[in-house]
């Protein structure tokens, strides 16, 4: 399976790039709140479950398995990007 695209089709002018991505430059409070809810709720649930498992003497390896998805919910690579990285 091959994709036949020319270099002209792949290049965009800077103005066209800004125009096509300008909709994402405006903040949205509703989207921000939803992202916080759907990230922190499972994160706090996993923390509560880990605390429950430690208090009930479940094996530590089972608790550490829950730490992996909790760490994935906590990590956000965009948080570490500086403003200077964007054109």
N, C-alpha and C. Protein backbone atom coordinates (compact mmCIF):
# COMPACT_ATOMS: atom_id res chain seq x y z
N UNK A 1 0.84 -1.17 0.00
CA UNK A 1 0.00 0.00 0.00
C UNK A 1 0.89 1.23 0.00
N UNK A 2 0.73 2.05 -0.99
CA UNK A 2 1.54 3.26 -1.07
C UNK A 2 0.63 4.46 -1.25
N UNK A 3 1.09 5.55 -0.71
CA UNK A 3 0.34 6.80 -0.82
C UNK A 3 1.12 7.69 -1.76
N UNK A 4 0.48 8.12 -2.83
CA UNK A 4 1.14 8.94 -3.83
C UNK A 4 0.77 10.40 -3.60
N UNK A 5 1.65 11.12 -2.94
CA UNK A 5 1.42 12.54 -2.71
C UNK A 5 2.63 13.31 -3.19
N UNK A 6 2.37 14.44 -3.77
CA UNK A 6 3.47 15.27 -4.24
C UNK A 6 3.89 16.22 -3.12
N UNK A 7 5.06 16.78 -3.26
CA UNK A 7 5.58 17.71 -2.26
C UNK A 7 4.71 18.95 -2.18
N UNK A 8 4.11 19.35 -3.27
CA UNK A 8 3.26 20.54 -3.28
C UNK A 8 2.01 20.33 -2.43
N UNK A 9 1.50 19.09 -2.42
CA UNK A 9 0.32 18.80 -1.61
C UNK A 9 0.65 18.80 -0.13
N UNK A 10 1.87 18.49 0.22
CA UNK A 10 2.26 18.37 1.62
C UNK A 10 2.68 19.69 2.25
N UNK A 11 3.04 20.65 1.45
CA UNK A 11 3.50 21.92 2.00
C UNK A 11 2.33 22.89 2.12
N UNK A 12 2.33 23.60 3.22
CA UNK A 12 1.32 24.63 3.46
C UNK A 12 2.05 25.94 3.73
N UNK A 13 1.47 27.00 3.31
CA UNK A 13 2.07 28.28 3.64
C UNK A 13 1.83 28.55 5.12
N UNK A 14 2.64 29.42 5.66
CA UNK A 14 2.52 29.74 7.08
C UNK A 14 1.15 30.35 7.38
N UNK A 15 0.68 31.19 6.49
CA UNK A 15 -0.64 31.83 6.70
C UNK A 15 -1.75 30.79 6.68
N UNK A 16 -1.67 29.84 5.76
CA UNK A 16 -2.69 28.79 5.70
C UNK A 16 -2.64 27.91 6.94
N UNK A 17 -1.43 27.67 7.44
CA UNK A 17 -1.28 26.85 8.66
C UNK A 17 -1.92 27.57 9.85
N UNK A 18 -1.65 28.86 10.00
CA UNK A 18 -2.24 29.62 11.10
C UNK A 18 -3.76 29.68 10.96
N UNK A 19 -4.24 29.82 9.75
CA UNK A 19 -5.68 29.89 9.53
C UNK A 19 -6.35 28.57 9.90
N UNK A 20 -5.74 27.46 9.54
CA UNK A 20 -6.37 26.16 9.81
C UNK A 20 -6.29 25.78 11.28
N UNK A 21 -5.34 26.33 12.03
CA UNK A 21 -5.20 25.98 13.44
C UNK A 21 -5.68 27.08 14.39
N UNK A 22 -6.19 28.18 13.85
CA UNK A 22 -6.59 29.30 14.70
C UNK A 22 -7.75 28.95 15.62
N UNK A 23 -8.60 28.02 15.23
CA UNK A 23 -9.73 27.63 16.08
C UNK A 23 -9.26 27.01 17.39
N UNK A 24 -8.09 26.42 17.38
CA UNK A 24 -7.56 25.77 18.58
C UNK A 24 -6.79 26.73 19.48
N UNK A 25 -6.59 27.95 19.05
CA UNK A 25 -5.83 28.93 19.83
C UNK A 25 -6.69 29.61 20.89
N UNK A 26 -7.99 29.57 20.70
CA UNK A 26 -8.90 30.22 21.66
C UNK A 26 -9.23 29.25 22.79
N UNK A 27 -9.10 29.70 24.04
CA UNK A 27 -9.42 28.82 25.17
C UNK A 27 -10.92 28.59 25.29
N UNK A 28 -11.26 27.45 25.83
CA UNK A 28 -12.66 27.10 26.05
C UNK A 28 -12.79 26.65 27.50
N UNK A 29 -13.54 27.40 28.29
CA UNK A 29 -13.71 27.07 29.70
C UNK A 29 -14.40 25.73 29.86
N UNK A 30 -15.41 25.47 29.07
CA UNK A 30 -16.14 24.20 29.16
C UNK A 30 -15.24 23.00 28.90
N UNK A 31 -14.42 23.09 27.86
CA UNK A 31 -13.50 21.99 27.54
C UNK A 31 -12.44 21.83 28.63
N UNK A 32 -11.98 22.94 29.18
CA UNK A 32 -10.97 22.88 30.23
C UNK A 32 -11.52 22.23 31.49
N UNK A 33 -12.73 22.61 31.86
CA UNK A 33 -13.34 22.01 33.05
C UNK A 33 -13.59 20.53 32.84
N UNK A 34 -14.08 20.15 31.66
CA UNK A 34 -14.32 18.74 31.38
C UNK A 34 -13.01 17.94 31.41
N UNK A 35 -11.95 18.50 30.88
CA UNK A 35 -10.67 17.80 30.91
C UNK A 35 -10.17 17.62 32.34
N UNK A 36 -10.38 18.62 33.18
CA UNK A 36 -9.98 18.49 34.58
C UNK A 36 -10.81 17.40 35.27
N UNK A 37 -12.11 17.37 35.01
CA UNK A 37 -12.98 16.38 35.65
C UNK A 37 -12.64 14.97 35.18
N UNK A 38 -12.50 14.78 33.87
CA UNK A 38 -12.28 13.42 33.40
C UNK A 38 -10.84 12.95 33.59
N UNK A 39 -9.97 13.81 34.13
CA UNK A 39 -8.62 13.39 34.50
C UNK A 39 -8.50 13.18 36.00
N UNK A 40 -8.97 14.15 36.78
CA UNK A 40 -8.79 14.07 38.23
C UNK A 40 -9.72 13.07 38.90
N UNK A 41 -10.92 12.87 38.39
CA UNK A 41 -11.82 11.90 39.01
C UNK A 41 -11.24 10.48 38.98
N UNK A 42 -10.79 9.98 37.82
CA UNK A 42 -10.17 8.65 37.83
C UNK A 42 -8.87 8.61 38.62
N UNK A 43 -8.12 9.72 38.58
CA UNK A 43 -6.86 9.78 39.34
C UNK A 43 -7.13 9.66 40.84
N UNK A 44 -8.09 10.41 41.34
CA UNK A 44 -8.43 10.34 42.76
C UNK A 44 -9.04 8.98 43.12
N UNK A 45 -9.82 8.41 42.22
CA UNK A 45 -10.37 7.07 42.45
C UNK A 45 -9.25 6.04 42.59
N UNK A 46 -8.27 6.11 41.70
CA UNK A 46 -7.15 5.16 41.78
C UNK A 46 -6.35 5.34 43.05
N UNK A 47 -6.15 6.59 43.48
CA UNK A 47 -5.45 6.83 44.74
C UNK A 47 -6.24 6.24 45.91
N UNK A 48 -7.53 6.46 45.92
CA UNK A 48 -8.37 5.90 46.98
C UNK A 48 -8.32 4.39 46.98
N UNK A 49 -8.35 3.79 45.81
CA UNK A 49 -8.27 2.33 45.71
C UNK A 49 -6.91 1.82 46.19
N UNK A 50 -5.85 2.54 45.88
CA UNK A 50 -4.52 2.12 46.35
C UNK A 50 -4.43 2.22 47.87
N UNK A 51 -4.98 3.28 48.44
CA UNK A 51 -4.97 3.42 49.91
C UNK A 51 -5.78 2.30 50.53
N UNK A 52 -6.94 2.00 49.96
CA UNK A 52 -7.77 0.91 50.45
C UNK A 52 -7.01 -0.42 50.42
N UNK A 53 -6.30 -0.67 49.32
CA UNK A 53 -5.58 -1.94 49.18
C UNK A 53 -4.43 -2.04 50.19
N UNK A 54 -3.75 -0.95 50.46
CA UNK A 54 -2.66 -0.98 51.45
C UNK A 54 -3.22 -1.21 52.84
N UNK A 55 -4.33 -0.55 53.17
CA UNK A 55 -4.93 -0.71 54.49
C UNK A 55 -5.50 -2.10 54.70
N UNK A 56 -5.92 -2.76 53.65
CA UNK A 56 -6.50 -4.11 53.75
C UNK A 56 -5.46 -5.21 53.52
N UNK A 57 -4.20 -4.84 53.53
CA UNK A 57 -3.08 -5.78 53.40
C UNK A 57 -3.08 -6.59 52.11
N UNK A 58 -3.47 -5.94 51.01
CA UNK A 58 -3.29 -6.58 49.71
C UNK A 58 -1.81 -6.54 49.38
N UNK A 59 -1.34 -7.44 48.51
CA UNK A 59 0.09 -7.40 48.16
C UNK A 59 0.46 -6.07 47.51
N UNK A 60 1.66 -5.60 47.84
CA UNK A 60 2.11 -4.31 47.32
C UNK A 60 2.23 -4.30 45.80
N UNK A 61 2.53 -5.45 45.21
CA UNK A 61 2.67 -5.47 43.75
C UNK A 61 1.35 -5.16 43.08
N UNK A 62 0.23 -5.54 43.71
CA UNK A 62 -1.08 -5.21 43.14
C UNK A 62 -1.34 -3.70 43.22
N UNK A 63 -0.92 -3.12 44.33
CA UNK A 63 -1.08 -1.68 44.50
C UNK A 63 -0.20 -0.93 43.51
N UNK A 64 1.02 -1.40 43.31
CA UNK A 64 1.92 -0.75 42.36
C UNK A 64 1.42 -0.87 40.93
N UNK A 65 0.67 -1.92 40.62
CA UNK A 65 0.09 -2.01 39.28
C UNK A 65 -0.92 -0.88 39.05
N UNK A 66 -1.62 -0.48 40.10
CA UNK A 66 -2.55 0.64 39.96
C UNK A 66 -1.83 1.98 39.85
N UNK A 67 -0.60 2.03 40.31
CA UNK A 67 0.16 3.27 40.21
C UNK A 67 0.51 3.60 38.76
N UNK A 68 0.58 2.60 37.90
CA UNK A 68 0.92 2.85 36.49
C UNK A 68 -0.17 3.66 35.78
N UNK A 69 -1.44 3.25 35.82
CA UNK A 69 -2.43 4.12 35.17
C UNK A 69 -2.61 5.46 35.89
N UNK A 70 -2.41 5.48 37.22
CA UNK A 70 -2.50 6.76 37.94
C UNK A 70 -1.41 7.71 37.47
N UNK A 71 -0.20 7.19 37.27
CA UNK A 71 0.89 8.02 36.76
C UNK A 71 0.61 8.50 35.35
N UNK A 72 -0.03 7.66 34.55
CA UNK A 72 -0.39 8.06 33.20
C UNK A 72 -1.42 9.18 33.18
N UNK A 73 -2.34 9.16 34.15
CA UNK A 73 -3.32 10.24 34.24
C UNK A 73 -2.68 11.54 34.74
N UNK A 74 -1.65 11.42 35.56
CA UNK A 74 -1.00 12.61 36.11
C UNK A 74 -0.09 13.28 35.09
N UNK A 75 0.56 12.48 34.24
CA UNK A 75 1.54 13.01 33.30
C UNK A 75 0.83 13.70 32.14
N UNK A 76 1.23 14.91 31.86
CA UNK A 76 0.71 15.66 30.73
C UNK A 76 1.90 16.33 30.04
N UNK A 77 2.33 15.82 28.90
CA UNK A 77 3.53 16.38 28.26
C UNK A 77 3.39 17.84 27.86
N UNK A 78 2.18 18.32 27.61
CA UNK A 78 2.01 19.72 27.23
C UNK A 78 2.30 20.66 28.39
N UNK A 79 2.22 20.14 29.61
CA UNK A 79 2.47 20.99 30.78
C UNK A 79 3.92 21.46 30.81
N UNK A 80 4.82 20.71 30.21
CA UNK A 80 6.25 21.02 30.29
C UNK A 80 6.75 21.83 29.10
N UNK A 81 5.89 22.16 28.17
CA UNK A 81 6.31 22.94 27.01
C UNK A 81 6.28 24.41 27.33
N UNK A 82 7.28 25.10 26.91
CA UNK A 82 7.31 26.55 27.14
C UNK A 82 6.66 27.25 25.96
N UNK A 83 6.30 28.48 26.17
CA UNK A 83 5.64 29.28 25.12
C UNK A 83 6.60 29.51 23.96
N UNK A 84 7.90 29.56 24.22
CA UNK A 84 8.87 29.82 23.16
C UNK A 84 8.95 28.68 22.15
N UNK A 85 8.47 27.50 22.50
CA UNK A 85 8.52 26.38 21.55
C UNK A 85 7.52 26.51 20.44
N UNK A 86 6.52 27.36 20.61
CA UNK A 86 5.49 27.51 19.60
C UNK A 86 5.85 28.68 18.68
N UNK A 87 5.56 28.55 17.38
CA UNK A 87 5.93 29.63 16.45
C UNK A 87 5.10 30.87 16.66
